[in-house]
Amino acid sequence: MQTAYSSAATAELTSNATMRAAVYKGSRVVEVETIPVPDIGPGEVLIRVETCGICHTDLKKVAYDLLPPPRIYGHETAGVIAEVGRGVTRYSPGDRVIVFHHIPCGECFYCRRKLYAQCPVYKKVGVTAGYEAAGGGFAQYVRAMDWIVERGIEKIPAGVSFEQACFVEPVNTCLKGAKLLDLKSDDVAVVLGQGPIGLIFTMMAARTGATLLATDTMPARRALARRFGATDAFDPRDRTLDERVKDITQGRGADVVIVAASAPGIVDQAVRCSRPGARILLFAQTSHQERIEVSGASICMEERSLFGSYSASVDLQRESADLVFSYALPVEELITHRYPLNEIHLGIERALHPDERSLKIVIQPQRTTPGVGPGV
């Protein structure tokens, strides 16, 4: 398998030094263009992208013009190494890999405290398809820089699909939050929001043996939450939600709440359905424009812990990869739509406006056939 991938990638590169990429142009515009295949230097590798998931952070950057163009987004990347730079010995052309786009320095003030997402080197993206580095997975090839090659690549075992493998990065981010929560088997936990991230949290929480409740406005997602381990799932607009949670906790409220969606009033809802002393994780509140308002006494006098978790942890890289590669988390089942690169606009629109038939959407840059989804 590796030889076939290697020879195909090499032939393609020697005959054609250009590729297709979805370039963010500003003002919410993404256009598929022909651009040069990235050149690699010493210690770097070139990866032929097979699958890249659409992440909500990418959507926010496009929808709200958060970064100056041009950029090529996409960071949930799985593919095949096409070339290696001088000095690279751990990887060879033909290796099937996933790549993390952020890796910390390991030595600074924040790294010493394991707050890797605050490290200045971590904030510097190390994977690009061209232009200012922004992940690059929405292109046919990406260049992984030397510090990423050193610690930010994991090989995909034989028999594991690229679609399954592209979940390693988002699973890592959820695992980081789950470790902070330290969920116990006798806890009652509520996961607010059952999009792809909320469902990954539901899968993880179910593995602890905790009693698990979930909320989502879509019946199909509530059904998935139950299938992946939730004891029950509710519509968050149900005015009796808080009472339902208290009914199964002898009137106390949940021990743990994971806020895996962003909506007005959702943090206040997390407080209301939790008990005094509860642990509340904010995971989806990533916009500086978003404001939350809760009773100060509900945090101070009632001794709740309200904290955040953002992005991946290099310490959990191997563990997150093992969870995905072993199929301990059936994340590939979350994929509902697959689009070739030239239809990325359809994927972005569907991800921005999800419905009962859509959940995780992935881009497959090497495909030329039309997109595939439920009923398609």
Protein backbone atom coordinates (compact mmCIF):
# COMPACT_ATOMS: atom_id res chain seq x y z
CA MET A 1 0.00 0.00 0.00
CA GLN A 2 2.75 2.45 0.91
CA THR A 3 4.68 1.80 -2.33
CA ALA A 4 1.59 2.49 -4.42
CA TYR A 5 0.94 5.76 -2.62
CA SER A 6 4.58 6.79 -2.89
CA SER A 7 4.93 6.17 -6.62
CA ALA A 8 1.62 7.87 -7.43
CA ALA A 9 2.54 10.98 -5.44
CA THR A 10 6.02 11.20 -6.97
CA ALA A 11 4.73 10.82 -10.51
CA GLU A 12 2.17 13.51 -9.95
CA LEU A 13 4.73 15.94 -8.55
CA THR A 14 7.37 15.42 -11.23
CA SER A 15 4.85 15.95 -14.02
CA ASN A 16 2.95 18.86 -12.53
CA ALA A 17 4.19 21.32 -9.92
CA THR A 18 0.79 22.92 -9.34
CA MET A 19 -2.20 21.85 -7.29
CA ARG A 20 -5.74 22.89 -6.45
CA ALA A 21 -6.46 24.73 -3.21
CA ALA A 22 -9.44 26.47 -1.62
CA VAL A 23 -8.17 30.00 -0.97
CA TYR A 24 -9.94 32.31 1.47
CA LYS A 25 -10.09 35.67 -0.30
CA GLY A 26 -11.76 37.77 2.41
CA SER A 27 -15.35 38.99 2.81
CA ARG A 28 -16.52 35.36 3.34
CA VAL A 29 -15.29 34.33 -0.12
CA VAL A 30 -13.46 31.02 -0.69
CA GLU A 31 -12.33 30.21 -4.24
CA VAL A 32 -10.70 27.07 -5.58
CA GLU A 33 -7.55 28.07 -7.48
CA THR A 34 -4.49 26.51 -9.04
CA ILE A 35 -1.38 27.40 -7.05
CA PRO A 36 2.17 26.00 -6.76
CA VAL A 37 2.76 22.86 -4.73
CA PRO A 38 4.65 24.02 -1.61
CA ASP A 39 8.42 23.62 -1.62
CA ILE A 40 9.87 21.92 1.43
CA GLY A 41 13.15 22.59 3.18
CA PRO A 42 15.44 20.61 5.49
CA GLY A 43 13.56 18.78 8.22
CA GLU A 44 10.18 19.29 6.51
CA VAL A 45 7.76 16.96 4.75
CA LEU A 46 5.19 17.33 1.99
CA ILE A 47 1.86 15.56 2.60
CA ARG A 48 -0.66 14.62 -0.06
CA VAL A 49 -4.00 15.40 1.61
CA GLU A 50 -6.60 12.64 1.36
CA THR A 51 -9.19 13.85 3.90
CA CYS A 52 -9.61 17.04 5.92
CA GLY A 53 -12.52 17.68 8.24
CA ILE A 54 -14.30 21.03 8.35
CA CYS A 55 -13.91 22.43 11.86
CA HIS A 56 -16.11 25.09 13.40
CA THR A 57 -13.07 27.29 14.06
CA ASP A 58 -12.38 27.33 10.30
CA LEU A 59 -15.99 28.32 9.71
CA LYS A 60 -15.72 31.20 12.17
CA LYS A 61 -12.58 32.49 10.48
CA VAL A 62 -14.36 32.53 7.13
CA ALA A 63 -17.76 33.74 8.30
CA TYR A 64 -16.41 36.57 10.47
CA ASP A 65 -13.27 37.47 8.47
CA LEU A 66 -11.14 36.91 11.55
CA LEU A 67 -7.77 36.76 9.74
CA PRO A 68 -6.47 38.76 6.76
CA PRO A 69 -6.50 36.95 3.40
CA PRO A 70 -5.25 35.13 1.48
CA ARG A 71 -5.24 31.96 3.58
CA ILE A 72 -5.83 28.26 3.06
CA TYR A 73 -7.64 26.78 6.03
CA GLY A 74 -8.21 23.20 7.14
CA HIS A 75 -6.35 21.47 9.97
CA GLU A 76 -7.98 18.07 10.59
CA THR A 77 -5.65 16.56 8.03
CA ALA A 78 -4.94 12.96 7.06
CA GLY A 79 -2.88 11.96 4.05
CA VAL A 80 0.26 10.39 2.60
CA ILE A 81 3.81 11.68 2.77
CA ALA A 82 4.86 12.58 -0.77
CA GLU A 83 8.35 14.00 -0.12
CA VAL A 84 10.73 14.35 2.80
CA GLY A 85 13.35 17.04 3.27
CA ARG A 86 17.01 16.59 4.04
CA GLY A 87 17.57 15.16 7.51
CA VAL A 88 14.14 13.55 7.91
CA THR A 89 14.62 9.92 8.96
CA ARG A 90 11.44 9.00 10.85
CA TYR A 91 9.16 9.27 7.82
CA SER A 92 9.32 8.13 4.22
CA PRO A 93 7.28 8.77 1.07
CA GLY A 94 4.24 6.52 1.20
CA ASP A 95 3.72 6.75 4.97
CA ARG A 96 0.07 7.35 5.85
CA VAL A 97 -0.10 10.08 8.51
CA ILE A 98 -2.11 12.66 10.37
CA VAL A 99 -0.56 16.02 11.16
CA PHE A 100 -1.13 18.51 13.96
CA HIS A 101 -0.82 22.14 12.89
CA HIS A 102 0.19 23.42 16.35
CA ILE A 103 3.10 22.12 18.46
CA PRO A 104 4.47 24.05 21.50
CA CYS A 105 8.10 24.84 22.23
CA GLY A 106 8.06 22.85 25.48
CA GLU A 107 10.29 25.32 27.33
CA CYS A 108 8.47 28.63 27.86
CA PHE A 109 6.54 29.93 30.88
CA TYR A 110 3.27 28.45 29.61
CA CYS A 111 4.72 25.13 28.49
CA ARG A 112 6.25 24.59 31.94
CA ARG A 113 2.69 24.91 33.28
CA LYS A 114 1.30 22.66 30.51
CA LEU A 115 -0.78 25.54 29.12
CA TYR A 116 0.40 24.68 25.64
CA ALA A 117 -2.25 26.62 23.73
CA GLN A 118 -0.85 29.84 25.23
CA CYS A 119 2.73 29.13 24.08
CA PRO A 120 3.95 31.66 21.46
CA VAL A 121 5.37 28.84 19.30
CA TYR A 122 2.11 26.90 19.58
CA LYS A 123 0.22 29.95 18.32
CA LYS A 124 2.44 29.95 15.22
CA VAL A 125 0.84 27.56 12.74
CA GLY A 126 3.36 25.09 11.32
CA VAL A 127 1.42 23.56 8.42
CA THR A 128 0.66 25.40 5.18
CA ALA A 129 -0.44 24.90 1.59
CA GLY A 130 0.75 28.40 0.70
CA TYR A 131 0.41 32.01 1.82
CA GLU A 132 0.36 32.73 5.57
CA ALA A 133 0.30 29.38 7.38
CA ALA A 134 -3.28 28.48 8.36
CA GLY A 135 -3.43 24.67 8.34
CA GLY A 136 -3.72 24.20 4.58
CA GLY A 137 -5.78 21.01 4.62
CA PHE A 138 -8.24 22.37 2.07
CA ALA A 139 -5.63 21.79 -0.63
CA GLN A 140 -4.11 18.81 -2.40
CA TYR A 141 -0.74 19.12 -0.64
CA VAL A 142 0.50 20.66 2.60
CA ARG A 143 3.97 21.44 3.87
CA ALA A 144 4.70 20.48 7.49
CA MET A 145 7.50 22.59 8.99
CA ASP A 146 10.41 21.13 10.91
CA TRP A 147 9.10 21.56 14.47
CA ILE A 148 5.83 19.92 13.41
CA VAL A 149 7.68 17.02 11.79
CA GLU A 150 9.68 16.56 14.98
CA ARG A 151 6.68 16.07 17.29
CA GLY A 152 3.41 16.67 15.44
CA ILE A 153 2.91 13.72 13.09
CA GLU A 154 1.40 10.32 13.85
CA LYS A 155 1.48 7.35 11.48
CA ILE A 156 -1.87 5.81 10.56
CA PRO A 157 -1.92 2.02 11.07
CA ALA A 158 -2.87 -0.30 8.24
CA GLY A 159 -6.61 -0.83 8.02
CA VAL A 160 -7.54 2.58 9.43
CA SER A 161 -9.27 4.84 6.92
CA PHE A 162 -8.25 8.44 6.27
CA GLU A 163 -11.77 9.45 7.31
CA GLN A 164 -11.38 7.83 10.73
CA ALA A 165 -7.84 9.17 11.07
CA CYS A 166 -8.72 12.82 10.41
CA PHE A 167 -10.49 12.87 13.80
CA VAL A 168 -7.26 12.56 15.82
CA GLU A 169 -6.86 16.34 16.24
CA PRO A 170 -10.48 17.06 17.33
CA VAL A 171 -10.47 14.01 19.60
CA ASN A 172 -7.28 15.35 21.21
CA THR A 173 -8.98 18.67 21.97
CA CYS A 174 -11.92 16.87 23.59
CA LEU A 175 -9.64 14.53 25.52
CA LYS A 176 -7.80 17.54 26.91
CA GLY A 177 -11.08 18.95 28.24
CA ALA A 178 -12.17 15.56 29.56
CA LYS A 179 -8.92 15.18 31.51
CA LEU A 180 -9.53 18.54 33.18
CA LEU A 181 -13.03 17.43 34.18
CA ASP A 182 -11.79 14.13 35.64
CA LEU A 183 -15.22 12.52 35.27
CA LYS A 184 -15.97 9.70 37.74
CA SER A 185 -18.22 6.68 37.33
CA ASP A 186 -20.64 7.94 39.98
CA ASP A 187 -20.95 11.42 38.43
CA VAL A 188 -24.00 12.71 36.60
CA ALA A 189 -22.85 14.68 33.57
CA VAL A 190 -24.72 16.84 31.06
CA VAL A 191 -23.34 17.60 27.58
CA LEU A 192 -24.98 20.70 26.11
CA GLY A 193 -24.92 20.42 22.31
CA GLN A 194 -24.60 17.27 20.21
CA GLY A 195 -22.78 18.45 17.14
CA PRO A 196 -19.63 16.52 16.17
CA ILE A 197 -17.68 17.83 19.19
CA GLY A 198 -20.55 17.29 21.63
CA LEU A 199 -20.99 13.73 20.39
CA ILE A 200 -17.27 13.04 20.83
CA PHE A 201 -17.58 14.26 24.42
CA THR A 202 -20.62 12.00 24.81
CA MET A 203 -18.62 9.00 23.54
CA MET A 204 -15.79 9.80 25.95
CA ALA A 205 -18.03 10.43 28.96
CA ALA A 206 -19.89 7.17 28.35
CA ARG A 207 -16.59 5.27 28.63
CA THR A 208 -16.24 6.39 32.27
CA GLY A 209 -19.51 4.76 33.33
CA ALA A 210 -20.97 8.08 34.47
CA THR A 211 -24.69 8.76 34.12
CA LEU A 212 -24.86 10.90 31.04
CA LEU A 213 -27.51 13.33 29.78
CA ALA A 214 -27.35 15.28 26.53
CA THR A 215 -29.17 18.18 24.90
CA ASP A 216 -29.67 19.28 21.32
CA THR A 217 -32.39 21.01 19.35
CA MET A 218 -32.32 18.31 16.62
CA PRO A 219 -34.08 14.97 17.29
CA ALA A 220 -31.62 13.09 15.05
CA ARG A 221 -28.68 14.28 17.12
CA ARG A 222 -30.46 13.42 20.36
CA ALA A 223 -30.98 9.91 18.98
CA LEU A 224 -27.26 9.64 18.19
CA ALA A 225 -26.39 10.80 21.71
CA ARG A 226 -28.45 7.94 23.13
CA ARG A 227 -26.80 5.48 20.75
CA PHE A 228 -23.35 6.66 21.80
CA GLY A 229 -24.03 6.23 25.51
CA ALA A 230 -26.29 9.00 26.86
CA THR A 231 -28.90 7.77 29.32
CA ASP A 232 -31.30 10.30 27.87
CA ALA A 233 -31.29 13.37 25.65
CA PHE A 234 -33.48 16.47 25.79
CA ASP A 235 -34.35 19.51 23.74
CA PRO A 236 -32.57 22.46 25.45
CA ARG A 237 -35.65 24.61 24.76
CA ASP A 238 -37.68 22.36 27.04
CA ARG A 239 -38.56 24.52 30.02
CA THR A 240 -38.50 21.49 32.30
CA LEU A 241 -34.90 20.52 31.50
CA ASP A 242 -33.51 21.72 34.83
CA GLU A 243 -36.21 19.82 36.69
CA ARG A 244 -35.52 16.66 34.71
CA VAL A 245 -31.85 16.81 35.63
CA LYS A 246 -32.72 17.36 39.29
CA ASP A 247 -35.22 14.49 39.22
CA ILE A 248 -32.46 11.98 38.59
CA THR A 249 -30.02 13.58 41.04
CA GLN A 250 -32.26 13.68 44.10
CA GLY A 251 -32.79 17.39 43.56
CA ARG A 252 -29.09 18.36 43.48
CA GLY A 253 -28.31 18.94 39.80
CA ALA A 254 -25.51 17.63 37.60
CA ASP A 255 -21.99 17.09 38.94
CA VAL A 256 -20.42 18.02 35.59
CA VAL A 257 -21.61 20.09 32.62
CA ILE A 258 -19.82 20.31 29.26
CA VAL A 259 -20.82 23.32 27.14
CA ALA A 260 -20.15 22.02 23.63
CA ALA A 261 -22.28 24.56 21.77
CA SER A 262 -22.47 28.32 21.56
CA ALA A 263 -25.89 29.94 22.00
CA PRO A 264 -27.31 32.84 24.00
CA GLY A 265 -27.97 31.79 27.59
CA ILE A 266 -26.30 28.39 27.32
CA VAL A 267 -23.76 29.04 30.10
CA ASP A 268 -26.52 30.24 32.40
CA GLN A 269 -28.38 27.02 31.57
CA ALA A 270 -25.29 25.03 32.51
CA VAL A 271 -25.24 26.73 35.90
CA ARG A 272 -28.97 26.19 36.46
CA CYS A 273 -28.88 22.46 35.77
CA SER A 274 -25.76 21.86 37.90
CA ARG A 275 -25.39 21.41 41.65
CA PRO A 276 -23.35 23.53 44.05
CA GLY A 277 -19.72 22.53 43.70
CA ALA A 278 -20.21 21.35 40.11
CA ARG A 279 -17.52 21.52 37.42
CA ILE A 280 -18.53 23.37 34.23
CA LEU A 281 -16.35 23.22 31.11
CA LEU A 282 -16.66 25.92 28.44
CA PHE A 283 -15.49 24.44 25.15
CA ALA A 284 -17.32 26.31 22.39
CA GLN A 285 -16.95 29.90 23.56
CA THR A 286 -14.11 30.86 21.21
CA SER A 287 -15.21 34.29 19.97
CA HIS A 288 -14.08 37.49 21.69
CA GLN A 289 -17.42 38.99 20.71
CA GLU A 290 -19.31 36.41 22.76
CA ARG A 291 -20.35 37.50 26.24
CA ILE A 292 -21.70 35.35 29.06
CA GLU A 293 -23.67 36.42 32.09
CA VAL A 294 -24.29 34.33 35.18
CA SER A 295 -25.08 35.04 38.79
CA GLY A 296 -21.88 35.76 40.68
CA ALA A 297 -23.29 34.02 43.74
CA SER A 298 -23.88 30.84 41.73
CA ILE A 299 -20.12 30.64 41.22
CA CYS A 300 -18.83 32.10 44.47
CA MET A 301 -21.32 31.16 47.17
CA GLU A 302 -22.28 27.87 45.54
CA GLU A 303 -18.63 26.99 44.83
CA ARG A 304 -18.93 25.96 41.21
CA SER A 305 -15.79 25.69 39.10
CA LEU A 306 -16.16 27.38 35.71
CA PHE A 307 -13.21 26.84 33.39
CA GLY A 308 -12.21 26.61 29.74
CA SER A 309 -10.21 24.30 27.52
CA TYR A 310 -8.95 25.14 24.06
CA SER A 311 -7.09 23.30 21.31
CA ALA A 312 -4.90 20.20 21.53
CA SER A 313 -2.28 18.97 24.00
CA VAL A 314 0.98 17.47 22.78
CA ASP A 315 1.01 15.33 25.95
CA LEU A 316 -2.19 13.59 24.76
CA GLN A 317 -1.18 13.11 21.15
CA ARG A 318 -0.43 9.39 21.36
CA GLU A 319 -3.46 8.65 23.56
CA SER A 320 -5.82 10.50 21.25
CA ALA A 321 -4.38 8.71 18.23
CA ASP A 322 -4.83 5.34 19.95
CA LEU A 323 -8.48 6.12 20.76
CA VAL A 324 -9.13 6.87 17.10
CA PHE A 325 -6.98 4.20 15.47
CA SER A 326 -8.36 1.45 17.73
CA TYR A 327 -11.94 2.47 16.87
CA ALA A 328 -12.60 2.81 20.61
CA LEU A 329 -14.46 5.94 19.55
CA PRO A 330 -16.59 5.28 16.43
CA VAL A 331 -16.00 8.79 15.10
CA GLU A 332 -16.20 7.86 11.42
CA GLU A 333 -19.92 7.31 12.02
CA LEU A 334 -20.26 11.07 12.55
CA ILE A 335 -19.42 11.81 8.90
CA THR A 336 -22.53 12.57 6.86
CA HIS A 337 -21.11 14.41 3.84
CA ARG A 338 -17.95 14.09 1.75
CA TYR A 339 -17.08 16.74 -0.83
CA PRO A 340 -14.30 17.06 -3.40
CA LEU A 341 -12.26 20.24 -3.24
CA ASN A 342 -14.13 21.91 -6.09
CA GLU A 343 -17.36 21.62 -4.08
CA ILE A 344 -15.96 22.98 -0.82
CA HIS A 345 -18.44 25.87 -0.98
CA LEU A 346 -21.25 23.32 -0.60
CA GLY A 347 -19.50 21.77 2.39
CA ILE A 348 -18.97 25.14 4.07
CA GLU A 349 -22.59 26.19 3.52
CA ARG A 350 -23.89 22.91 4.90
CA ALA A 351 -21.58 23.14 7.91
CA LEU A 352 -22.68 26.73 8.57
CA HIS A 353 -26.35 25.76 8.28
CA PRO A 354 -26.66 22.19 9.61
CA ASP A 355 -29.90 20.28 9.46
CA GLU A 356 -31.20 16.89 10.57
CA ARG A 357 -29.29 15.18 7.76
CA SER A 358 -25.87 16.73 8.34
CA LEU A 359 -23.23 16.36 11.01
CA LYS A 360 -19.50 16.06 10.28
CA ILE A 361 -18.44 17.20 6.83
CA VAL A 362 -15.10 16.31 5.26
CA ILE A 363 -13.23 17.50 2.18
CA GLN A 364 -11.38 14.99 0.00
CA PRO A 365 -8.99 17.04 -2.16
CA GLN A 366 -7.91 14.19 -4.44
CA ARG A 367 -11.49 13.31 -5.47
CA THR A 368 -13.12 14.57 -8.65
CA THR A 369 -16.52 12.90 -8.30
CA PRO A 370 -19.47 14.87 -6.84
CA GLY A 371 -20.05 15.15 -3.12
CA VAL A 372 -21.68 12.32 -1.21
CA GLY A 373 -24.14 12.63 1.66
CA PRO A 374 -27.37 11.13 2.98
CA GLY A 375 -29.71 10.36 0.13
CA VAL A 376 -27.11 11.42 -2.47
